[in-house]
Amino acid sequence: SYLGKEPRGGCGALALRAKEQLERCLAATLQRLPRCHVEVLSFLRDVADLGHEAEVLQGLAADLASNGEPDEGDVFDDGLAEVLAWCSATSRRFRDVLEVFGEAQAEP
């Protein structure tokens, strides 16, 4: 059973694969549709979701590393920083699209 266990390569590796697939989907969509199309917005929402989950997993990994009990397991976060950086950069690059749809977040 995989319940409570890391995926092969860890959650960072899984997040990297998701990022790579999302990157390809966004690029393919932009080749066929206008930049301010609702399908582009949908992928940008996925980018935001992936970034949020990567951030949560980084926090969990740090918490388990510093405070976790041996039976709580580990979170292998290699790759999460890269995913977070890409998600942030992509959101900045498409800020105009997010603004058109009223979904731009305030800059930190």
N, C-alpha and C. Protein backbone atom coordinates (compact mmCIF):
# COMPACT_ATOMS: atom_id res chain seq x y z
N SER A 1 0.83 -1.19 0.00
CA SER A 1 0.00 0.00 0.00
C SER A 1 0.87 1.25 0.00
N TYR A 2 0.42 2.27 -0.71
CA TYR A 2 1.16 3.52 -0.78
C TYR A 2 0.63 4.56 0.20
N LEU A 3 -0.37 4.22 0.97
CA LEU A 3 -0.97 5.15 1.91
C LEU A 3 0.08 5.67 2.88
N GLY A 4 0.26 6.98 2.91
CA GLY A 4 1.21 7.59 3.84
C GLY A 4 2.65 7.49 3.40
N LYS A 5 2.91 7.04 2.17
CA LYS A 5 4.28 6.89 1.70
C LYS A 5 4.54 7.86 0.55
N GLU A 6 5.79 8.21 0.41
CA GLU A 6 6.21 9.09 -0.67
C GLU A 6 6.08 8.38 -2.02
N PRO A 7 5.72 9.13 -3.06
CA PRO A 7 5.74 8.52 -4.41
C PRO A 7 7.18 8.24 -4.82
N ARG A 8 7.36 7.40 -5.81
CA ARG A 8 8.70 7.08 -6.29
C ARG A 8 9.44 8.38 -6.63
N GLY A 9 10.63 8.55 -6.07
CA GLY A 9 11.42 9.76 -6.29
C GLY A 9 11.06 10.90 -5.36
N GLY A 10 10.02 10.73 -4.56
CA GLY A 10 9.61 11.75 -3.62
C GLY A 10 8.62 12.74 -4.20
N CYS A 11 8.04 13.53 -3.33
CA CYS A 11 7.03 14.48 -3.78
C CYS A 11 7.64 15.57 -4.66
N GLY A 12 8.91 15.88 -4.44
CA GLY A 12 9.57 16.87 -5.29
C GLY A 12 9.66 16.40 -6.73
N ALA A 13 10.00 15.13 -6.91
CA ALA A 13 10.09 14.56 -8.26
C ALA A 13 8.71 14.53 -8.92
N LEU A 14 7.70 14.20 -8.15
CA LEU A 14 6.34 14.19 -8.69
C LEU A 14 5.91 15.61 -9.07
N ALA A 15 6.22 16.59 -8.24
CA ALA A 15 5.89 17.99 -8.55
C ALA A 15 6.62 18.45 -9.81
N LEU A 16 7.87 18.02 -9.98
CA LEU A 16 8.62 18.38 -11.20
C LEU A 16 7.95 17.81 -12.44
N ARG A 17 7.50 16.57 -12.35
CA ARG A 17 6.80 15.97 -13.50
C ARG A 17 5.52 16.71 -13.81
N ALA A 18 4.78 17.09 -12.78
CA ALA A 18 3.55 17.86 -12.98
C ALA A 18 3.87 19.21 -13.61
N LYS A 19 4.93 19.86 -13.15
CA LYS A 19 5.35 21.15 -13.71
C LYS A 19 5.70 21.02 -15.18
N GLU A 20 6.45 19.99 -15.52
CA GLU A 20 6.86 19.78 -16.91
C GLU A 20 5.65 19.54 -17.81
N GLN A 21 4.69 18.77 -17.34
CA GLN A 21 3.49 18.50 -18.12
C GLN A 21 2.66 19.78 -18.26
N LEU A 22 2.52 20.51 -17.19
CA LEU A 22 1.76 21.75 -17.21
C LEU A 22 2.42 22.78 -18.13
N GLU A 23 3.73 22.82 -18.10
CA GLU A 23 4.48 23.72 -18.98
C GLU A 23 4.21 23.40 -20.45
N ARG A 24 4.21 22.10 -20.79
CA ARG A 24 3.93 21.68 -22.17
C ARG A 24 2.49 22.02 -22.57
N CYS A 25 1.56 21.78 -21.67
CA CYS A 25 0.14 22.07 -21.96
C CYS A 25 -0.07 23.56 -22.18
N LEU A 26 0.52 24.38 -21.34
CA LEU A 26 0.38 25.83 -21.48
C LEU A 26 0.98 26.30 -22.80
N ALA A 27 2.16 25.79 -23.14
CA ALA A 27 2.81 26.17 -24.39
C ALA A 27 1.96 25.76 -25.60
N ALA A 28 1.42 24.56 -25.58
CA ALA A 28 0.59 24.08 -26.68
C ALA A 28 -0.68 24.91 -26.80
N THR A 29 -1.27 25.27 -25.69
CA THR A 29 -2.47 26.09 -25.71
C THR A 29 -2.19 27.46 -26.30
N LEU A 30 -1.06 28.04 -25.92
CA LEU A 30 -0.70 29.37 -26.42
C LEU A 30 -0.40 29.37 -27.91
N GLN A 31 -0.04 28.22 -28.46
CA GLN A 31 0.19 28.14 -29.90
C GLN A 31 -1.13 28.18 -30.68
N ARG A 32 -2.22 27.83 -30.02
CA ARG A 32 -3.49 27.68 -30.72
C ARG A 32 -4.55 28.71 -30.33
N LEU A 33 -4.41 29.29 -29.15
CA LEU A 33 -5.45 30.19 -28.65
C LEU A 33 -4.85 31.54 -28.26
N PRO A 34 -5.68 32.57 -28.21
CA PRO A 34 -5.18 33.87 -27.77
C PRO A 34 -4.71 33.82 -26.32
N ARG A 35 -3.80 34.69 -25.99
CA ARG A 35 -3.21 34.75 -24.65
C ARG A 35 -4.29 34.94 -23.57
N CYS A 36 -5.31 35.73 -23.85
CA CYS A 36 -6.35 36.02 -22.85
C CYS A 36 -7.58 35.12 -23.01
N HIS A 37 -7.35 33.88 -23.33
CA HIS A 37 -8.42 32.90 -23.48
C HIS A 37 -8.66 32.21 -22.14
N VAL A 38 -9.89 31.80 -21.91
CA VAL A 38 -10.25 31.15 -20.64
C VAL A 38 -9.46 29.85 -20.43
N GLU A 39 -9.07 29.16 -21.50
CA GLU A 39 -8.27 27.93 -21.33
C GLU A 39 -6.88 28.26 -20.80
N VAL A 40 -6.32 29.38 -21.21
CA VAL A 40 -5.03 29.82 -20.67
C VAL A 40 -5.20 30.13 -19.19
N LEU A 41 -6.28 30.82 -18.85
CA LEU A 41 -6.57 31.11 -17.44
C LEU A 41 -6.68 29.81 -16.63
N SER A 42 -7.32 28.82 -17.19
CA SER A 42 -7.46 27.54 -16.49
C SER A 42 -6.09 26.93 -16.17
N PHE A 43 -5.18 26.98 -17.12
CA PHE A 43 -3.83 26.46 -16.86
C PHE A 43 -3.10 27.34 -15.84
N LEU A 44 -3.33 28.65 -15.88
CA LEU A 44 -2.70 29.52 -14.90
C LEU A 44 -3.22 29.24 -13.49
N ARG A 45 -4.47 28.86 -13.38
CA ARG A 45 -5.00 28.43 -12.08
C ARG A 45 -4.29 27.15 -11.62
N ASP A 46 -4.05 26.25 -12.56
CA ASP A 46 -3.31 25.02 -12.23
C ASP A 46 -1.90 25.34 -11.77
N VAL A 47 -1.28 26.33 -12.41
CA VAL A 47 0.07 26.77 -12.01
C VAL A 47 0.03 27.27 -10.57
N ALA A 48 -0.97 28.09 -10.25
CA ALA A 48 -1.10 28.62 -8.89
C ALA A 48 -1.33 27.49 -7.88
N ASP A 49 -2.17 26.53 -8.25
CA ASP A 49 -2.43 25.39 -7.36
C ASP A 49 -1.16 24.58 -7.11
N LEU A 50 -0.41 24.32 -8.18
CA LEU A 50 0.83 23.56 -8.04
C LEU A 50 1.82 24.31 -7.15
N GLY A 51 1.93 25.62 -7.35
CA GLY A 51 2.82 26.41 -6.52
C GLY A 51 2.42 26.36 -5.05
N HIS A 52 1.12 26.45 -4.79
CA HIS A 52 0.63 26.39 -3.41
C HIS A 52 0.97 25.04 -2.78
N GLU A 53 0.70 23.97 -3.50
CA GLU A 53 0.97 22.64 -2.95
C GLU A 53 2.47 22.41 -2.73
N ALA A 54 3.30 22.91 -3.65
CA ALA A 54 4.75 22.78 -3.48
C ALA A 54 5.20 23.53 -2.22
N GLU A 55 4.61 24.69 -1.99
CA GLU A 55 4.96 25.47 -0.79
C GLU A 55 4.53 24.73 0.48
N VAL A 56 3.35 24.15 0.46
CA VAL A 56 2.86 23.39 1.61
C VAL A 56 3.77 22.18 1.88
N LEU A 57 4.15 21.49 0.81
CA LEU A 57 5.02 20.32 0.97
C LEU A 57 6.40 20.70 1.49
N GLN A 58 6.92 21.85 1.06
CA GLN A 58 8.21 22.31 1.58
C GLN A 58 8.10 22.56 3.08
N GLY A 59 7.01 23.17 3.50
CA GLY A 59 6.80 23.41 4.93
C GLY A 59 6.68 22.12 5.71
N LEU A 60 5.95 21.16 5.15
CA LEU A 60 5.81 19.86 5.81
C LEU A 60 7.15 19.15 5.91
N ALA A 61 7.93 19.20 4.85
CA ALA A 61 9.26 18.57 4.86
C ALA A 61 10.13 19.19 5.95
N ALA A 62 10.12 20.52 6.03
CA ALA A 62 10.93 21.20 7.05
C ALA A 62 10.44 20.85 8.44
N ASP A 63 9.13 20.80 8.64
CA ASP A 63 8.57 20.47 9.94
C ASP A 63 8.92 19.05 10.35
N LEU A 64 8.78 18.11 9.42
CA LEU A 64 9.12 16.72 9.74
C LEU A 64 10.61 16.57 10.02
N ALA A 65 11.44 17.28 9.27
CA ALA A 65 12.89 17.18 9.47
C ALA A 65 13.30 17.70 10.84
N SER A 66 12.64 18.75 11.32
CA SER A 66 13.06 19.33 12.59
C SER A 66 12.27 18.82 13.80
N ASN A 67 11.03 18.41 13.60
CA ASN A 67 10.19 18.03 14.74
C ASN A 67 9.54 16.66 14.63
N GLY A 68 9.71 16.01 13.51
CA GLY A 68 8.99 14.76 13.27
C GLY A 68 9.54 13.58 14.07
N GLU A 69 8.66 12.65 14.34
CA GLU A 69 9.03 11.39 14.98
C GLU A 69 9.42 10.40 13.88
N PRO A 70 10.29 9.44 14.21
CA PRO A 70 10.74 8.49 13.19
C PRO A 70 9.60 7.77 12.47
N ASP A 71 8.50 7.48 13.16
CA ASP A 71 7.40 6.75 12.53
C ASP A 71 6.51 7.65 11.66
N GLU A 72 6.78 8.97 11.63
CA GLU A 72 5.99 9.88 10.82
C GLU A 72 6.49 9.95 9.38
N GLY A 73 7.66 9.40 9.12
CA GLY A 73 8.19 9.37 7.77
C GLY A 73 8.90 10.65 7.38
N ASP A 74 9.19 10.77 6.10
CA ASP A 74 9.90 11.91 5.56
C ASP A 74 9.18 12.41 4.32
N VAL A 75 9.45 13.65 3.97
CA VAL A 75 9.00 14.22 2.70
C VAL A 75 10.27 14.60 1.95
N PHE A 76 10.47 14.00 0.81
CA PHE A 76 11.64 14.29 0.00
C PHE A 76 11.30 15.45 -0.92
N ASP A 77 11.89 16.61 -0.61
CA ASP A 77 11.48 17.83 -1.28
C ASP A 77 12.41 18.29 -2.40
N ASP A 78 13.34 17.44 -2.83
CA ASP A 78 14.20 17.82 -3.95
C ASP A 78 13.33 18.15 -5.16
N GLY A 79 13.50 19.34 -5.69
CA GLY A 79 12.73 19.76 -6.85
C GLY A 79 11.62 20.75 -6.53
N LEU A 80 11.19 20.80 -5.27
CA LEU A 80 10.09 21.71 -4.93
C LEU A 80 10.48 23.17 -5.11
N ALA A 81 11.71 23.52 -4.80
CA ALA A 81 12.16 24.91 -4.98
C ALA A 81 12.10 25.31 -6.45
N GLU A 82 12.50 24.40 -7.32
CA GLU A 82 12.44 24.67 -8.77
C GLU A 82 11.00 24.85 -9.22
N VAL A 83 10.11 24.02 -8.71
CA VAL A 83 8.69 24.13 -9.07
C VAL A 83 8.14 25.47 -8.59
N LEU A 84 8.45 25.84 -7.36
CA LEU A 84 7.99 27.12 -6.82
C LEU A 84 8.49 28.29 -7.64
N ALA A 85 9.76 28.25 -8.01
CA ALA A 85 10.34 29.33 -8.81
C ALA A 85 9.64 29.43 -10.16
N TRP A 86 9.39 28.30 -10.81
CA TRP A 86 8.71 28.31 -12.10
C TRP A 86 7.29 28.83 -11.97
N CYS A 87 6.58 28.38 -10.96
CA CYS A 87 5.20 28.84 -10.76
C CYS A 87 5.15 30.35 -10.54
N SER A 88 6.05 30.86 -9.72
CA SER A 88 6.10 32.31 -9.47
C SER A 88 6.42 33.07 -10.74
N ALA A 89 7.42 32.60 -11.47
CA ALA A 89 7.82 33.28 -12.71
C ALA A 89 6.70 33.24 -13.74
N THR A 90 6.01 32.12 -13.84
CA THR A 90 4.92 31.99 -14.80
C THR A 90 3.77 32.92 -14.43
N SER A 91 3.43 32.99 -13.16
CA SER A 91 2.37 33.90 -12.72
C SER A 91 2.74 35.36 -13.01
N ARG A 92 3.99 35.71 -12.80
CA ARG A 92 4.43 37.08 -13.12
C ARG A 92 4.36 37.34 -14.62
N ARG A 93 4.79 36.35 -15.41
CA ARG A 93 4.80 36.50 -16.87
C ARG A 93 3.39 36.67 -17.43
N PHE A 94 2.41 36.10 -16.77
CA PHE A 94 1.03 36.14 -17.24
C PHE A 94 0.15 37.03 -16.36
N ARG A 95 0.76 37.94 -15.65
CA ARG A 95 0.00 38.83 -14.76
C ARG A 95 -1.08 39.58 -15.54
N ASP A 96 -0.78 39.99 -16.76
CA ASP A 96 -1.76 40.71 -17.57
C ASP A 96 -3.02 39.87 -17.81
N VAL A 97 -2.83 38.60 -18.06
CA VAL A 97 -3.97 37.70 -18.28
C VAL A 97 -4.77 37.56 -16.99
N LEU A 98 -4.07 37.35 -15.89
CA LEU A 98 -4.74 37.22 -14.60
C LEU A 98 -5.52 38.49 -14.25
N GLU A 99 -4.97 39.65 -14.60
CA GLU A 99 -5.66 40.92 -14.34
C GLU A 99 -6.92 41.05 -15.18
N VAL A 100 -6.86 40.62 -16.44
CA VAL A 100 -8.05 40.68 -17.31
C VAL A 100 -9.20 39.91 -16.69
N PHE A 101 -8.90 38.78 -16.08
CA PHE A 101 -9.94 37.93 -15.48
C PHE A 101 -10.16 38.24 -14.00
N GLY A 102 -9.50 39.28 -13.49
CA GLY A 102 -9.68 39.68 -12.10
C GLY A 102 -9.09 38.72 -11.09
N GLU A 103 -8.02 38.02 -11.49
CA GLU A 103 -7.44 37.02 -10.60
C GLU A 103 -5.97 37.29 -10.24
N ALA A 104 -5.50 38.49 -10.53
CA ALA A 104 -4.11 38.82 -10.18
C ALA A 104 -4.00 38.98 -8.68
N GLN A 105 -2.96 38.40 -8.12
CA GLN A 105 -2.70 38.52 -6.69
C GLN A 105 -1.79 39.71 -6.45
N ALA A 106 -1.90 40.32 -5.28
CA ALA A 106 -1.01 41.43 -4.93
C ALA A 106 0.41 40.91 -4.81
N GLU A 107 1.36 41.72 -5.23
CA GLU A 107 2.78 41.34 -5.12
C GLU A 107 3.16 41.30 -3.65
N PRO A 108 3.93 40.28 -3.25
CA PRO A 108 4.34 40.19 -1.84
C PRO A 108 5.33 41.28 -1.48
